[in-house]
Amino acid sequence: MNIQQPQGKQQWPECVGKTAEKLMQLLPYNSMVTMDYRMDRVRVLHDGNGVVQQIPHVG
């Protein structure tokens, strides 16, 4: 299966340290998620205080 990489920005390191409520699809850090790859999805993993814990990326 040949998956094409999306065009444009794929990571948002500037989000780290900001509150998750100001960002995209929000998930608590270490949440169970599906492993399917989707070019139209960005997951933002945050801690209990709503602070982003890792660089959001496409997938």
N, C-alpha and C. Protein backbone atom coordinates (compact mmCIF):
# COMPACT_ATOMS: atom_id res chain seq x y z
N MET A 1 0.85 -1.18 0.00
CA MET A 1 0.00 0.00 0.00
C MET A 1 0.89 1.23 0.00
N ASN A 2 0.66 2.13 -0.93
CA ASN A 2 1.46 3.34 -1.06
C ASN A 2 0.67 4.53 -0.52
N ILE A 3 1.10 5.05 0.63
CA ILE A 3 0.42 6.20 1.24
C ILE A 3 1.18 7.47 0.87
N GLN A 4 0.50 8.40 0.23
CA GLN A 4 1.12 9.66 -0.12
C GLN A 4 1.16 10.58 1.08
N GLN A 5 2.28 11.24 1.27
CA GLN A 5 2.40 12.21 2.34
C GLN A 5 1.63 13.47 1.97
N PRO A 6 0.95 14.08 2.94
CA PRO A 6 0.20 15.30 2.65
C PRO A 6 1.15 16.45 2.33
N GLN A 7 0.65 17.38 1.55
CA GLN A 7 1.42 18.58 1.23
C GLN A 7 1.28 19.57 2.37
N GLY A 8 2.27 20.42 2.54
CA GLY A 8 2.18 21.46 3.55
C GLY A 8 2.66 21.01 4.92
N LYS A 9 2.34 21.79 5.89
CA LYS A 9 2.79 21.59 7.27
C LYS A 9 2.24 20.30 7.84
N GLN A 10 3.10 19.55 8.54
CA GLN A 10 2.69 18.28 9.13
C GLN A 10 2.94 18.21 10.62
N GLN A 11 3.68 19.14 11.18
CA GLN A 11 3.93 19.18 12.61
C GLN A 11 3.80 20.61 13.10
N TRP A 12 3.44 20.77 14.37
CA TRP A 12 3.23 22.07 14.97
C TRP A 12 3.95 22.18 16.30
N PRO A 13 5.30 22.28 16.29
CA PRO A 13 6.04 22.36 17.54
C PRO A 13 5.70 23.60 18.36
N GLU A 14 5.19 24.63 17.74
CA GLU A 14 4.83 25.86 18.46
C GLU A 14 3.64 25.65 19.40
N CYS A 15 2.96 24.51 19.30
CA CYS A 15 1.82 24.23 20.18
C CYS A 15 2.25 23.73 21.56
N VAL A 16 3.45 23.17 21.65
CA VAL A 16 3.91 22.60 22.92
C VAL A 16 3.98 23.72 23.97
N GLY A 17 3.39 23.45 25.12
CA GLY A 17 3.37 24.42 26.21
C GLY A 17 2.13 25.30 26.23
N LYS A 18 1.34 25.28 25.17
CA LYS A 18 0.09 26.04 25.14
C LYS A 18 -1.04 25.17 25.67
N THR A 19 -2.14 25.79 26.07
CA THR A 19 -3.27 24.99 26.55
C THR A 19 -3.97 24.31 25.38
N ALA A 20 -4.39 23.09 25.61
CA ALA A 20 -5.00 22.28 24.57
C ALA A 20 -6.34 22.83 24.09
N GLU A 21 -7.08 23.52 24.97
CA GLU A 21 -8.40 24.01 24.57
C GLU A 21 -8.34 25.02 23.43
N LYS A 22 -7.17 25.59 23.16
CA LYS A 22 -7.03 26.55 22.06
C LYS A 22 -6.58 25.88 20.77
N LEU A 23 -6.47 24.55 20.78
CA LEU A 23 -5.93 23.85 19.63
C LEU A 23 -6.97 22.96 18.96
N MET A 24 -6.57 21.84 18.37
CA MET A 24 -7.39 21.02 17.48
C MET A 24 -8.10 19.89 18.21
N GLN A 25 -8.11 18.69 17.63
CA GLN A 25 -8.74 17.53 18.26
C GLN A 25 -7.96 17.22 19.53
N LEU A 26 -8.63 17.26 20.67
CA LEU A 26 -7.96 17.16 21.95
C LEU A 26 -8.13 15.78 22.57
N LEU A 27 -7.02 15.21 23.03
CA LEU A 27 -7.04 13.89 23.67
C LEU A 27 -6.12 13.92 24.87
N PRO A 28 -6.54 13.34 26.00
CA PRO A 28 -5.62 13.24 27.12
C PRO A 28 -4.40 12.41 26.73
N TYR A 29 -3.23 12.81 27.24
CA TYR A 29 -1.98 12.10 26.97
C TYR A 29 -2.13 10.64 27.37
N ASN A 30 -1.58 9.75 26.57
CA ASN A 30 -1.66 8.29 26.76
C ASN A 30 -3.05 7.72 26.48
N SER A 31 -3.91 8.47 25.77
CA SER A 31 -5.22 7.96 25.40
C SER A 31 -5.08 6.80 24.42
N MET A 32 -6.03 5.90 24.45
CA MET A 32 -6.09 4.86 23.43
C MET A 32 -6.68 5.48 22.17
N VAL A 33 -6.02 5.28 21.05
CA VAL A 33 -6.50 5.83 19.78
C VAL A 33 -6.35 4.76 18.70
N THR A 34 -7.09 4.92 17.63
CA THR A 34 -6.95 4.00 16.50
C THR A 34 -5.60 4.25 15.84
N MET A 35 -5.06 3.24 15.20
CA MET A 35 -3.75 3.35 14.57
C MET A 35 -3.85 3.67 13.08
N ASP A 36 -5.07 3.88 12.57
CA ASP A 36 -5.20 4.20 11.16
C ASP A 36 -4.58 5.58 10.88
N TYR A 37 -3.97 5.71 9.71
CA TYR A 37 -3.32 6.95 9.32
C TYR A 37 -4.29 7.77 8.48
N ARG A 38 -4.55 9.00 8.91
CA ARG A 38 -5.45 9.89 8.16
C ARG A 38 -4.78 11.23 7.95
N MET A 39 -4.70 11.63 6.69
CA MET A 39 -4.04 12.89 6.36
C MET A 39 -4.88 14.10 6.73
N ASP A 40 -6.15 13.89 7.07
CA ASP A 40 -7.02 15.01 7.42
C ASP A 40 -7.20 15.14 8.93
N ARG A 41 -6.33 14.49 9.71
CA ARG A 41 -6.48 14.50 11.17
C ARG A 41 -5.18 14.94 11.84
N VAL A 42 -5.32 15.75 12.86
CA VAL A 42 -4.21 16.13 13.73
C VAL A 42 -4.67 15.88 15.15
N ARG A 43 -3.90 15.10 15.88
CA ARG A 43 -4.22 14.83 17.29
C ARG A 43 -3.32 15.66 18.18
N VAL A 44 -3.92 16.22 19.22
CA VAL A 44 -3.19 17.02 20.19
C VAL A 44 -3.31 16.31 21.54
N LEU A 45 -2.18 15.84 22.07
CA LEU A 45 -2.17 15.10 23.33
C LEU A 45 -1.74 16.04 24.45
N HIS A 46 -2.60 16.12 25.48
CA HIS A 46 -2.35 17.06 26.57
C HIS A 46 -2.40 16.36 27.92
N ASP A 47 -1.86 17.05 28.92
CA ASP A 47 -1.87 16.50 30.28
C ASP A 47 -3.14 16.93 31.02
N GLY A 48 -3.23 16.62 32.29
CA GLY A 48 -4.40 16.93 33.10
C GLY A 48 -4.67 18.41 33.26
N ASN A 49 -3.66 19.24 33.00
CA ASN A 49 -3.83 20.69 33.07
C ASN A 49 -4.15 21.31 31.71
N GLY A 50 -4.29 20.47 30.69
CA GLY A 50 -4.58 20.97 29.35
C GLY A 50 -3.37 21.48 28.61
N VAL A 51 -2.15 21.16 29.08
CA VAL A 51 -0.92 21.61 28.43
C VAL A 51 -0.45 20.54 27.46
N VAL A 52 -0.17 20.92 26.21
CA VAL A 52 0.26 19.99 25.17
C VAL A 52 1.58 19.35 25.58
N GLN A 53 1.67 18.01 25.46
CA GLN A 53 2.83 17.26 25.93
C GLN A 53 3.74 16.73 24.83
N GLN A 54 3.28 16.71 23.59
CA GLN A 54 4.16 16.31 22.50
C GLN A 54 3.74 17.03 21.24
N ILE A 55 4.63 17.09 20.27
CA ILE A 55 4.38 17.86 19.06
C ILE A 55 3.22 17.24 18.29
N PRO A 56 2.15 18.02 18.05
CA PRO A 56 1.04 17.52 17.22
C PRO A 56 1.53 17.24 15.79
N HIS A 57 0.96 16.20 15.17
CA HIS A 57 1.36 15.87 13.80
C HIS A 57 0.18 15.24 13.06
N VAL A 58 0.28 15.25 11.74
CA VAL A 58 -0.75 14.66 10.89
C VAL A 58 -0.75 13.15 11.10
N GLY A 59 -1.93 12.57 11.06
CA GLY A 59 -2.02 11.12 11.16
C GLY A 59 -3.21 10.70 11.92
